[in-house]
């Protein structure tokens, strides 16, 4: 089937990708960056501001549900406008102490008048700048909205990468199928060729007339059974069909394809062990090389 007409399913997704989103809200902006590389499991590393700490678990679950597999690095930055970033907080205890000291000073030096608020305001240490760092329902909604947009971005990229990888897999599966067909053709003649070689060797060692035809027929039947690769070729074909069917599915394909490759490699090894013809041996080598190339590519898929 041609690559451009193959109906790749949504499960064909690469584990490598990058996604970013930045959104501006009243008084603040939020940016989210997500990077993913290959990993057998879902390994999430996050850097986020302290005020989003209470929803870290929710963020992780949302990422895990949508990206499924890979080593995932997430960076979330919340930037607030200066007017909304800091507030002044009065140190009440320090203000009381300062007031008492001013009253005592007035008494000591017999200063006219009472202590005023204006006098207290000269003590700048009574006020401390306080940064707003509270998780509100609105901030939670804004953070998750920005996260979802970044996830949409990386999923789109991973999908494109996945389809590109899968197109190469199609070509490899076609090569495997072509080798299997050639092996089947040669395997039909393999017992005859081996029997002919056996007869030639026996003729060199024994008087031709002394050879037992019945024994030769029995040996030929046993040889044909030992060298028969029909079942292995049928299973190879079945695994290739299952491989293509998996590429059309909606579920993540990586682990399923990895299992099928193990089965393909098992059949190739069995065919190789039964090979008594150089041409078949060469085809088996080609077969295993293609399977290995497919395996390397499949490791990149979710």
C-alpha atoms as a PDB file:
ATOM      1  CA  UNK A   1       0.000   0.000   0.000  1.00  0.00           C
ATOM      2  CA  UNK A   2       1.256   3.507  -0.843  1.00  0.00           C
ATOM      3  CA  UNK A   3       2.412   5.603   2.088  1.00  0.00           C
ATOM      4  CA  UNK A   4       0.214   8.579   1.220  1.00  0.00           C
ATOM      5  CA  UNK A   5      -2.902   6.402   1.140  1.00  0.00           C
ATOM      6  CA  UNK A   6      -2.278   4.316   4.259  1.00  0.00           C
ATOM      7  CA  UNK A   7      -4.843   5.153   6.974  1.00  0.00           C
ATOM      8  CA  UNK A   8      -2.546   5.697   9.954  1.00  0.00           C
ATOM      9  CA  UNK A   9      -4.532   5.671  13.183  1.00  0.00           C
ATOM     10  CA  UNK A  10      -4.291   8.310  15.941  1.00  0.00           C
ATOM     11  CA  UNK A  11      -2.236   5.852  17.995  1.00  0.00           C
ATOM     12  CA  UNK A  12       0.777   6.422  15.702  1.00  0.00           C
ATOM     13  CA  UNK A  13       2.625   8.988  17.811  1.00  0.00           C
ATOM     14  CA  UNK A  14       6.309   9.711  18.369  1.00  0.00           C
ATOM     15  CA  UNK A  15       7.706  10.053  21.878  1.00  0.00           C
ATOM     16  CA  UNK A  16       9.869  13.003  20.803  1.00  0.00           C
ATOM     17  CA  UNK A  17       8.374  16.475  20.696  1.00  0.00           C
ATOM     18  CA  UNK A  18       8.164  20.044  21.954  1.00  0.00           C
ATOM     19  CA  UNK A  19       5.126  22.136  22.803  1.00  0.00           C
ATOM     20  CA  UNK A  20       4.690  25.654  24.129  1.00  0.00           C
ATOM     21  CA  UNK A  21       1.858  27.962  25.088  1.00  0.00           C
ATOM     22  CA  UNK A  22       1.762  31.436  26.582  1.00  0.00           C
ATOM     23  CA  UNK A  23      -1.456  33.137  27.639  1.00  0.00           C
ATOM     24  CA  UNK A  24      -2.115  36.574  29.073  1.00  0.00           C
ATOM     25  CA  UNK A  25      -4.778  37.129  31.707  1.00  0.00           C
ATOM     26  CA  UNK A  26      -5.759  40.209  33.747  1.00  0.00           C
ATOM     27  CA  UNK A  27      -2.777  41.029  35.923  1.00  0.00           C
ATOM     28  CA  UNK A  28      -0.562  38.110  34.879  1.00  0.00           C
ATOM     29  CA  UNK A  29       0.743  35.872  32.105  1.00  0.00           C
ATOM     30  CA  UNK A  30       1.443  32.128  32.163  1.00  0.00           C
ATOM     31  CA  UNK A  31       3.822  30.190  29.922  1.00  0.00           C
ATOM     32  CA  UNK A  32       4.145  26.406  29.684  1.00  0.00           C
ATOM     33  CA  UNK A  33       6.906  24.515  27.856  1.00  0.00           C
ATOM     34  CA  UNK A  34       6.881  20.728  27.436  1.00  0.00           C
ATOM     35  CA  UNK A  35       9.696  18.594  26.026  1.00  0.00           C
ATOM     36  CA  UNK A  36       9.573  14.816  25.558  1.00  0.00           C
ATOM     37  CA  UNK A  37      12.126  12.168  24.605  1.00  0.00           C
ATOM     38  CA  UNK A  38      12.066   8.367  24.503  1.00  0.00           C
ATOM     39  CA  UNK A  39      11.449   6.366  27.648  1.00  0.00           C
ATOM     40  CA  UNK A  40       9.876   2.977  28.318  1.00  0.00           C
ATOM     41  CA  UNK A  41       7.571   4.491  30.912  1.00  0.00           C
ATOM     42  CA  UNK A  42       6.019   7.876  31.708  1.00  0.00           C
ATOM     43  CA  UNK A  43       8.636   9.862  33.638  1.00  0.00           C
ATOM     44  CA  UNK A  44       7.544  13.440  34.375  1.00  0.00           C
ATOM     45  CA  UNK A  45       9.884  16.143  35.682  1.00  0.00           C
ATOM     46  CA  UNK A  46       8.358  19.549  36.502  1.00  0.00           C
ATOM     47  CA  UNK A  47       9.459  23.032  37.466  1.00  0.00           C
ATOM     48  CA  UNK A  48       6.574  25.227  38.565  1.00  0.00           C
ATOM     49  CA  UNK A  49       6.035  28.215  40.887  1.00  0.00           C
ATOM     50  CA  UNK A  50       5.276  27.582  44.525  1.00  0.00           C
ATOM     51  CA  UNK A  51       1.714  28.885  44.288  1.00  0.00           C
ATOM     52  CA  UNK A  52       0.858  26.089  41.806  1.00  0.00           C
ATOM     53  CA  UNK A  53       2.191  23.428  44.176  1.00  0.00           C
ATOM     54  CA  UNK A  54      -1.278  22.413  45.434  1.00  0.00           C
ATOM     55  CA  UNK A  55      -2.313  21.330  41.912  1.00  0.00           C
ATOM     56  CA  UNK A  56       0.957  19.596  40.956  1.00  0.00           C
ATOM     57  CA  UNK A  57      -0.724  16.185  41.203  1.00  0.00           C
ATOM     58  CA  UNK A  58      -3.581  17.316  38.972  1.00  0.00           C
ATOM     59  CA  UNK A  59      -1.098  18.672  36.423  1.00  0.00           C
ATOM     60  CA  UNK A  60       0.842  15.390  36.416  1.00  0.00           C
ATOM     61  CA  UNK A  61      -2.281  13.308  35.852  1.00  0.00           C
ATOM     62  CA  UNK A  62      -3.400  15.540  33.002  1.00  0.00           C
ATOM     63  CA  UNK A  63       0.004  15.190  31.322  1.00  0.00           C
ATOM     64  CA  UNK A  64       0.150  11.429  31.910  1.00  0.00           C
ATOM     65  CA  UNK A  65      -3.323  10.894  30.440  1.00  0.00           C
ATOM     66  CA  UNK A  66      -2.515  12.723  27.214  1.00  0.00           C
ATOM     67  CA  UNK A  67       1.162  11.897  26.559  1.00  0.00           C
ATOM     68  CA  UNK A  68       1.140   8.301  27.930  1.00  0.00           C
ATOM     69  CA  UNK A  69       4.865   7.507  27.544  1.00  0.00           C
ATOM     70  CA  UNK A  70       8.220   9.241  27.406  1.00  0.00           C
ATOM     71  CA  UNK A  71      10.580  11.261  29.567  1.00  0.00           C
ATOM     72  CA  UNK A  72       8.641  14.498  29.942  1.00  0.00           C
ATOM     73  CA  UNK A  73      10.087  17.836  31.097  1.00  0.00           C
ATOM     74  CA  UNK A  74       7.634  20.597  32.009  1.00  0.00           C
ATOM     75  CA  UNK A  75       8.386  24.249  32.827  1.00  0.00           C
ATOM     76  CA  UNK A  76       5.584  26.544  34.043  1.00  0.00           C
ATOM     77  CA  UNK A  77       6.195  30.253  34.667  1.00  0.00           C
ATOM     78  CA  UNK A  78       3.678  32.691  36.167  1.00  0.00           C
ATOM     79  CA  UNK A  79       4.576  36.371  35.622  1.00  0.00           C
ATOM     80  CA  UNK A  80       2.500  38.981  37.459  1.00  0.00           C
ATOM     81  CA  UNK A  81       2.183  42.683  36.709  1.00  0.00           C
ATOM     82  CA  UNK A  82       4.122  44.852  39.163  1.00  0.00           C
ATOM     83  CA  UNK A  83       0.919  46.370  40.550  1.00  0.00           C
ATOM     84  CA  UNK A  84      -0.422  42.925  41.347  1.00  0.00           C
ATOM     85  CA  UNK A  85       2.855  41.358  42.348  1.00  0.00           C
ATOM     86  CA  UNK A  86       3.555  43.113  45.662  1.00  0.00           C
ATOM     87  CA  UNK A  87       1.609  44.639  48.543  1.00  0.00           C
ATOM     88  CA  UNK A  88       2.761  46.475  51.675  1.00  0.00           C
ATOM     89  CA  UNK A  89       2.280  44.824  55.043  1.00  0.00           C
ATOM     90  CA  UNK A  90       2.473  46.746  58.327  1.00  0.00           C
ATOM     91  CA  UNK A  91       4.481  45.212  61.158  1.00  0.00           C
ATOM     92  CA  UNK A  92       2.036  45.950  64.007  1.00  0.00           C
ATOM     93  CA  UNK A  93       4.378  44.885  66.799  1.00  0.00           C
ATOM     94  CA  UNK A  94       7.197  47.066  65.497  1.00  0.00           C
ATOM     95  CA  UNK A  95       4.787  49.997  65.151  1.00  0.00           C
ATOM     96  CA  UNK A  96       3.729  49.616  68.803  1.00  0.00           C
ATOM     97  CA  UNK A  97       7.362  49.568  69.939  1.00  0.00           C
ATOM     98  CA  UNK A  98       8.209  52.655  67.873  1.00  0.00           C
ATOM     99  CA  UNK A  99       5.194  54.498  69.215  1.00  0.00           C
ATOM    100  CA  UNK A 100       6.141  53.746  72.835  1.00  0.00           C
ATOM    101  CA  UNK A 101       9.734  54.860  72.182  1.00  0.00           C
ATOM    102  CA  UNK A 102       8.523  58.152  70.697  1.00  0.00           C
ATOM    103  CA  UNK A 103       6.220  58.734  73.686  1.00  0.00           C
ATOM    104  CA  UNK A 104       9.118  58.091  76.090  1.00  0.00           C
ATOM    105  CA  UNK A 105      11.339  60.423  74.062  1.00  0.00           C
ATOM    106  CA  UNK A 106       8.713  63.168  74.215  1.00  0.00           C
ATOM    107  CA  UNK A 107       8.585  62.861  77.989  1.00  0.00           C
ATOM    108  CA  UNK A 108      12.361  62.820  78.324  1.00  0.00           C
ATOM    109  CA  UNK A 109      12.972  65.969  76.297  1.00  0.00           C
ATOM    110  CA  UNK A 110       9.669  67.656  77.182  1.00  0.00           C
ATOM    111  CA  UNK A 111       8.778  68.004  73.521  1.00  0.00           C
ATOM    112  CA  UNK A 112       5.557  69.858  72.833  1.00  0.00           C
ATOM    113  CA  UNK A 113       2.560  67.985  71.444  1.00  0.00           C
ATOM    114  CA  UNK A 114       1.702  64.312  71.135  1.00  0.00           C
ATOM    115  CA  UNK A 115       3.234  61.598  68.937  1.00  0.00           C
ATOM    116  CA  UNK A 116       1.564  61.673  65.497  1.00  0.00           C
ATOM    117  CA  UNK A 117       1.044  59.139  62.708  1.00  0.00           C
ATOM    118  CA  UNK A 118       3.237  61.247  60.448  1.00  0.00           C
ATOM    119  CA  UNK A 119       6.153  60.746  62.826  1.00  0.00           C
ATOM    120  CA  UNK A 120       5.656  56.978  62.759  1.00  0.00           C
ATOM    121  CA  UNK A 121       5.622  56.903  58.956  1.00  0.00           C
ATOM    122  CA  UNK A 122       9.237  58.052  58.927  1.00  0.00           C
ATOM    123  CA  UNK A 123      10.169  54.547  60.111  1.00  0.00           C
ATOM    124  CA  UNK A 124      10.265  52.650  56.781  1.00  0.00           C
ATOM    125  CA  UNK A 125      11.085  49.380  58.524  1.00  0.00           C
ATOM    126  CA  UNK A 126       7.517  49.226  59.792  1.00  0.00           C
ATOM    127  CA  UNK A 127       6.377  48.201  56.306  1.00  0.00           C
ATOM    128  CA  UNK A 128       7.424  45.079  54.385  1.00  0.00           C
ATOM    129  CA  UNK A 129       6.772  44.256  50.744  1.00  0.00           C
ATOM    130  CA  UNK A 130       4.768  41.060  50.453  1.00  0.00           C
ATOM    131  CA  UNK A 131       4.577  39.053  47.232  1.00  0.00           C
ATOM    132  CA  UNK A 132       1.182  37.582  46.390  1.00  0.00           C
ATOM    133  CA  UNK A 133       1.542  33.815  46.105  1.00  0.00           C
ATOM    134  CA  UNK A 134      -1.888  32.302  46.625  1.00  0.00           C
ATOM    135  CA  UNK A 135      -3.574  29.670  44.497  1.00  0.00           C
ATOM    136  CA  UNK A 136      -7.041  30.877  43.628  1.00  0.00           C
ATOM    137  CA  UNK A 137      -9.679  29.058  41.587  1.00  0.00           C
ATOM    138  CA  UNK A 138      -9.070  31.592  38.832  1.00  0.00           C
ATOM    139  CA  UNK A 139      -5.295  30.951  38.789  1.00  0.00           C
ATOM    140  CA  UNK A 140      -5.909  27.195  38.723  1.00  0.00           C
ATOM    141  CA  UNK A 141      -8.227  27.556  35.729  1.00  0.00           C
ATOM    142  CA  UNK A 142      -5.758  29.803  33.917  1.00  0.00           C
ATOM    143  CA  UNK A 143      -2.806  27.477  34.558  1.00  0.00           C
ATOM    144  CA  UNK A 144      -4.676  24.378  33.353  1.00  0.00           C
ATOM    145  CA  UNK A 145      -5.958  26.221  30.284  1.00  0.00           C
ATOM    146  CA  UNK A 146      -2.390  27.167  29.327  1.00  0.00           C
ATOM    147  CA  UNK A 147      -1.186  23.632  30.048  1.00  0.00           C
ATOM    148  CA  UNK A 148      -3.855  22.136  27.780  1.00  0.00           C
ATOM    149  CA  UNK A 149      -2.811  24.453  24.945  1.00  0.00           C
ATOM    150  CA  UNK A 150       0.834  23.370  25.326  1.00  0.00           C
ATOM    151  CA  UNK A 151      -0.265  19.721  25.357  1.00  0.00           C
ATOM    152  CA  UNK A 152      -2.250  20.286  22.152  1.00  0.00           C
ATOM    153  CA  UNK A 153       0.877  21.756  20.569  1.00  0.00           C
ATOM    154  CA  UNK A 154       3.217  18.904  21.511  1.00  0.00           C
ATOM    155  CA  UNK A 155       0.657  16.232  20.615  1.00  0.00           C
ATOM    156  CA  UNK A 156       0.357  17.719  17.131  1.00  0.00           C
ATOM    157  CA  UNK A 157       4.138  17.643  16.721  1.00  0.00           C
ATOM    158  CA  UNK A 158       4.427  14.098  18.074  1.00  0.00           C
ATOM    159  CA  UNK A 159       1.692  13.008  15.684  1.00  0.00           C
ATOM    160  CA  UNK A 160       3.565  14.436  12.675  1.00  0.00           C
ATOM    161  CA  UNK A 161       6.778  12.759  13.809  1.00  0.00           C
ATOM    162  CA  UNK A 162       4.926   9.491  14.393  1.00  0.00           C
ATOM    163  CA  UNK A 163       3.434   9.418  10.897  1.00  0.00           C
ATOM    164  CA  UNK A 164       6.863  10.157   9.413  1.00  0.00           C
ATOM    165  CA  UNK A 165       8.332   7.204  11.321  1.00  0.00           C
ATOM    166  CA  UNK A 166       5.417   4.962  10.376  1.00  0.00           C
ATOM    167  CA  UNK A 167       5.894   5.728   6.681  1.00  0.00           C
ATOM    168  CA  UNK A 168       9.405   4.322   6.974  1.00  0.00           C
ATOM    169  CA  UNK A 169       8.005   1.295   8.809  1.00  0.00           C
ATOM    170  CA  UNK A 170       5.674   0.610   5.879  1.00  0.00           C
ATOM    171  CA  UNK A 171       8.636   0.425   3.512  1.00  0.00           C
ATOM    172  CA  UNK A 172      10.447  -1.939   5.898  1.00  0.00           C
ATOM    173  CA  UNK A 173       7.429  -4.236   6.220  1.00  0.00           C
ATOM    174  CA  UNK A 174       7.170  -4.334   2.423  1.00  0.00           C
ATOM    175  CA  UNK A 175      10.830  -5.404   2.281  1.00  0.00           C
ATOM    176  CA  UNK A 176      10.185  -8.107   4.878  1.00  0.00           C
ATOM    177  CA  UNK A 177       7.209  -9.356   2.869  1.00  0.00           C
ATOM    178  CA  UNK A 178       9.270  -9.408  -0.337  1.00  0.00           C
ATOM    179  CA  UNK A 179      12.003 -11.467   1.367  1.00  0.00           C
ATOM    180  CA  UNK A 180       9.403 -13.850   2.761  1.00  0.00           C
ATOM    181  CA  UNK A 181       7.924 -14.420  -0.717  1.00  0.00           C
ATOM    182  CA  UNK A 182      11.372 -15.173  -2.166  1.00  0.00           C
ATOM    183  CA  UNK A 183      12.110 -17.565   0.690  1.00  0.00           C
ATOM    184  CA  UNK A 184       8.860 -19.432   0.009  1.00  0.00           C
ATOM    185  CA  UNK A 185       9.781 -19.829  -3.656  1.00  0.00           C
ATOM    186  CA  UNK A 186      13.251 -21.138  -2.897  1.00  0.00           C
ATOM    187  CA  UNK A 187      12.049 -23.330  -0.023  1.00  0.00           C
ATOM    188  CA  UNK A 188       9.904 -25.384  -2.419  1.00  0.00           C
ATOM    189  CA  UNK A 189      13.037 -26.515  -4.258  1.00  0.00           C
ATOM    190  CA  UNK A 190      15.234 -26.807  -1.162  1.00  0.00           C
ATOM    191  CA  UNK A 191      14.488 -30.509  -0.342  1.00  0.00           C
ATOM    192  CA  UNK A 192      15.043 -31.544  -3.982  1.00  0.00           C
ATOM    193  CA  UNK A 193      18.347 -29.695  -4.119  1.00  0.00           C
ATOM    194  CA  UNK A 194      19.514 -31.252  -0.858  1.00  0.00           C
ATOM    195  CA  UNK A 195      18.394 -34.726  -1.942  1.00  0.00           C
ATOM    196  CA  UNK A 196      20.304 -34.352  -5.176  1.00  0.00           C
ATOM    197  CA  UNK A 197      23.428 -33.403  -3.243  1.00  0.00           C
ATOM    198  CA  UNK A 198      22.939 -36.423  -0.971  1.00  0.00           C
ATOM    199  CA  UNK A 199      22.611 -38.764  -3.935  1.00  0.00           C
ATOM    200  CA  UNK A 200      25.749 -37.355  -5.494  1.00  0.00           C
ATOM    201  CA  UNK A 201      27.701 -37.922  -2.301  1.00  0.00           C
ATOM    202  CA  UNK A 202      26.359 -41.454  -1.936  1.00  0.00           C
ATOM    203  CA  UNK A 203      27.254 -42.256  -5.524  1.00  0.00           C
ATOM    204  CA  UNK A 204      30.806 -41.242  -4.817  1.00  0.00           C
ATOM    205  CA  UNK A 205      30.957 -43.612  -1.863  1.00  0.00           C
ATOM    206  CA  UNK A 206      28.804 -46.552  -2.975  1.00  0.00           C
ATOM    207  CA  UNK A 207      27.866 -48.580  -6.031  1.00  0.00           C
ATOM    208  CA  UNK A 208      24.783 -46.870  -7.490  1.00  0.00           C
ATOM    209  CA  UNK A 209      22.996 -50.205  -7.997  1.00  0.00           C
ATOM    210  CA  UNK A 210      23.408 -51.002  -4.300  1.00  0.00           C
ATOM    211  CA  UNK A 211      21.402 -47.968  -3.212  1.00  0.00           C
ATOM    212  CA  UNK A 212      18.011 -48.811  -1.698  1.00  0.00           C
ATOM    213  CA  UNK A 213      15.344 -46.714  -3.492  1.00  0.00           C
ATOM    214  CA  UNK A 214      12.946 -47.125  -0.564  1.00  0.00           C
ATOM    215  CA  UNK A 215      15.521 -45.852   1.857  1.00  0.00           C
ATOM    216  CA  UNK A 216      16.218 -42.879  -0.383  1.00  0.00           C
ATOM    217  CA  UNK A 217      12.521 -42.027  -0.570  1.00  0.00           C
ATOM    218  CA  UNK A 218      12.253 -42.237   3.204  1.00  0.00           C
ATOM    219  CA  UNK A 219      15.278 -39.990   3.617  1.00  0.00           C
ATOM    220  CA  UNK A 220      13.818 -37.553   1.090  1.00  0.00           C
ATOM    221  CA  UNK A 221      10.552 -37.352   3.057  1.00  0.00           C
ATOM    222  CA  UNK A 222      12.392 -36.761   6.335  1.00  0.00           C
ATOM    223  CA  UNK A 223      14.568 -34.113   4.725  1.00  0.00           C
ATOM    224  CA  UNK A 224      11.556 -32.332   3.255  1.00  0.00           C
ATOM    225  CA  UNK A 225       9.954 -32.236   6.700  1.00  0.00           C
ATOM    226  CA  UNK A 226      13.112 -30.890   8.357  1.00  0.00           C
ATOM    227  CA  UNK A 227      13.562 -28.165   5.766  1.00  0.00           C
ATOM    228  CA  UNK A 228       9.905 -27.153   5.494  1.00  0.00           C
ATOM    229  CA  UNK A 229       9.403 -23.476   6.419  1.00  0.00           C
ATOM    230  CA  UNK A 230       5.769 -23.183   5.353  1.00  0.00           C
ATOM    231  CA  UNK A 231       4.453 -22.616   8.878  1.00  0.00           C
ATOM    232  CA  UNK A 232       7.119 -20.038   9.650  1.00  0.00           C
ATOM    233  CA  UNK A 233       6.339 -18.106   6.459  1.00  0.00           C
ATOM    234  CA  UNK A 234       2.610 -18.194   7.213  1.00  0.00           C
ATOM    235  CA  UNK A 235       3.260 -16.799  10.685  1.00  0.00           C
ATOM    236  CA  UNK A 236       5.585 -14.144   9.256  1.00  0.00           C
ATOM    237  CA  UNK A 237       2.818 -13.046   6.917  1.00  0.00           C
ATOM    238  CA  UNK A 238       0.303 -13.036   9.778  1.00  0.00           C
ATOM    239  CA  UNK A 239       2.584 -10.923  11.997  1.00  0.00           C
ATOM    240  CA  UNK A 240       3.126  -8.421   9.167  1.00  0.00           C
ATOM    241  CA  UNK A 241      -0.648  -8.130   8.701  1.00  0.00           C
ATOM    242  CA  UNK A 242      -1.060  -7.585  12.450  1.00  0.00           C
ATOM    243  CA  UNK A 243       1.693  -4.953  12.306  1.00  0.00           C
ATOM    244  CA  UNK A 244      -0.140  -3.000   9.600  1.00  0.00           C
ATOM    245  CA  UNK A 245      -3.463  -3.373  11.401  1.00  0.00           C
ATOM    246  CA  UNK A 246      -1.902  -1.968  14.571  1.00  0.00           C
ATOM    247  CA  UNK A 247      -0.727   1.114  12.666  1.00  0.00           C
ATOM    248  CA  UNK A 248      -4.381   1.821  11.841  1.00  0.00           C
ATOM    249  CA  UNK A 249      -5.550   1.688  15.464  1.00  0.00           C
ATOM    250  CA  UNK A 250      -6.422   4.416  17.942  1.00  0.00           C
ATOM    251  CA  UNK A 251      -4.458   3.017  20.903  1.00  0.00           C
ATOM    252  CA  UNK A 252      -0.722   3.685  21.448  1.00  0.00           C
ATOM    253  CA  UNK A 253       1.165   1.321  19.129  1.00  0.00           C
ATOM    254  CA  UNK A 254       4.714   1.110  20.521  1.00  0.00           C
ATOM    255  CA  UNK A 255       4.423  -1.820  22.933  1.00  0.00           C
ATOM    256  CA  UNK A 256       2.199  -3.860  20.609  1.00  0.00           C
ATOM    257  CA  UNK A 257       4.592  -3.396  17.689  1.00  0.00           C
ATOM    258  CA  UNK A 258       7.515  -4.320  19.936  1.00  0.00           C
ATOM    259  CA  UNK A 259       5.838  -7.635  20.745  1.00  0.00           C
ATOM    260  CA  UNK A 260       5.148  -8.367  17.062  1.00  0.00           C
ATOM    261  CA  UNK A 261       8.789  -7.687  16.217  1.00  0.00           C
ATOM    262  CA  UNK A 262       9.873 -10.291  18.758  1.00  0.00           C
ATOM    263  CA  UNK A 263       7.635 -12.799  16.987  1.00  0.00           C
ATOM    264  CA  UNK A 264       8.950 -11.789  13.552  1.00  0.00           C
ATOM    265  CA  UNK A 265      12.506 -12.242  14.759  1.00  0.00           C
ATOM    266  CA  UNK A 266      11.640 -15.647  16.235  1.00  0.00           C
ATOM    267  CA  UNK A 267      10.274 -16.875  12.890  1.00  0.00           C
ATOM    268  CA  UNK A 268      13.284 -15.482  11.021  1.00  0.00           C
ATOM    269  CA  UNK A 269      15.645 -17.363  13.347  1.00  0.00           C
ATOM    270  CA  UNK A 270      13.720 -20.607  12.823  1.00  0.00           C
ATOM    271  CA  UNK A 271      13.825 -20.201   9.044  1.00  0.00           C
ATOM    272  CA  UNK A 272      17.542 -19.526   9.272  1.00  0.00           C
ATOM    273  CA  UNK A 273      18.109 -22.706  11.268  1.00  0.00           C
ATOM    274  CA  UNK A 274      16.292 -24.708   8.585  1.00  0.00           C
ATOM    275  CA  UNK A 275      18.104 -23.102   5.692  1.00  0.00           C
ATOM    276  CA  UNK A 276      20.328 -25.415   3.669  1.00  0.00           C
ATOM    277  CA  UNK A 277      20.610 -23.174   0.614  1.00  0.00           C
ATOM    278  CA  UNK A 278      22.892 -20.136   0.442  1.00  0.00           C
ATOM    279  CA  UNK A 279      20.243 -18.013  -1.267  1.00  0.00           C
ATOM    280  CA  UNK A 280      17.781 -18.586   1.592  1.00  0.00           C
ATOM    281  CA  UNK A 281      20.478 -17.831   4.155  1.00  0.00           C
ATOM    282  CA  UNK A 282      21.185 -14.498   2.449  1.00  0.00           C
ATOM    283  CA  UNK A 283      17.481 -13.665   2.428  1.00  0.00           C
ATOM    284  CA  UNK A 284      17.219 -14.488   6.137  1.00  0.00           C
ATOM    285  CA  UNK A 285      20.100 -12.091   6.833  1.00  0.00           C
ATOM    286  CA  UNK A 286      18.262  -9.368   4.912  1.00  0.00           C
ATOM    287  CA  UNK A 287      15.081 -10.240   6.775  1.00  0.00           C
ATOM    288  CA  UNK A 288      16.713  -9.869  10.182  1.00  0.00           C
ATOM    289  CA  UNK A 289      18.400  -6.616   9.183  1.00  0.00           C
ATOM    290  CA  UNK A 290      15.038  -5.129   8.226  1.00  0.00           C
ATOM    291  CA  UNK A 291      13.451  -6.366  11.460  1.00  0.00           C
ATOM    292  CA  UNK A 292      16.242  -4.697  13.448  1.00  0.00           C
ATOM    293  CA  UNK A 293      15.741  -1.403  11.589  1.00  0.00           C
ATOM    294  CA  UNK A 294      12.023  -1.586  12.320  1.00  0.00           C
ATOM    295  CA  UNK A 295      12.753  -2.288  15.991  1.00  0.00           C
ATOM    296  CA  UNK A 296      14.952   0.821  16.218  1.00  0.00           C
ATOM    297  CA  UNK A 297      12.178   2.968  14.777  1.00  0.00           C
ATOM    298  CA  UNK A 298       9.441   1.427  16.919  1.00  0.00           C
ATOM    299  CA  UNK A 299      11.379   2.411  20.050  1.00  0.00           C
ATOM    300  CA  UNK A 300      10.517   6.011  19.159  1.00  0.00           C
ATOM    301  CA  UNK A 301       6.758   5.404  19.166  1.00  0.00           C
ATOM    302  CA  UNK A 302       4.421   5.829  22.127  1.00  0.00           C
END
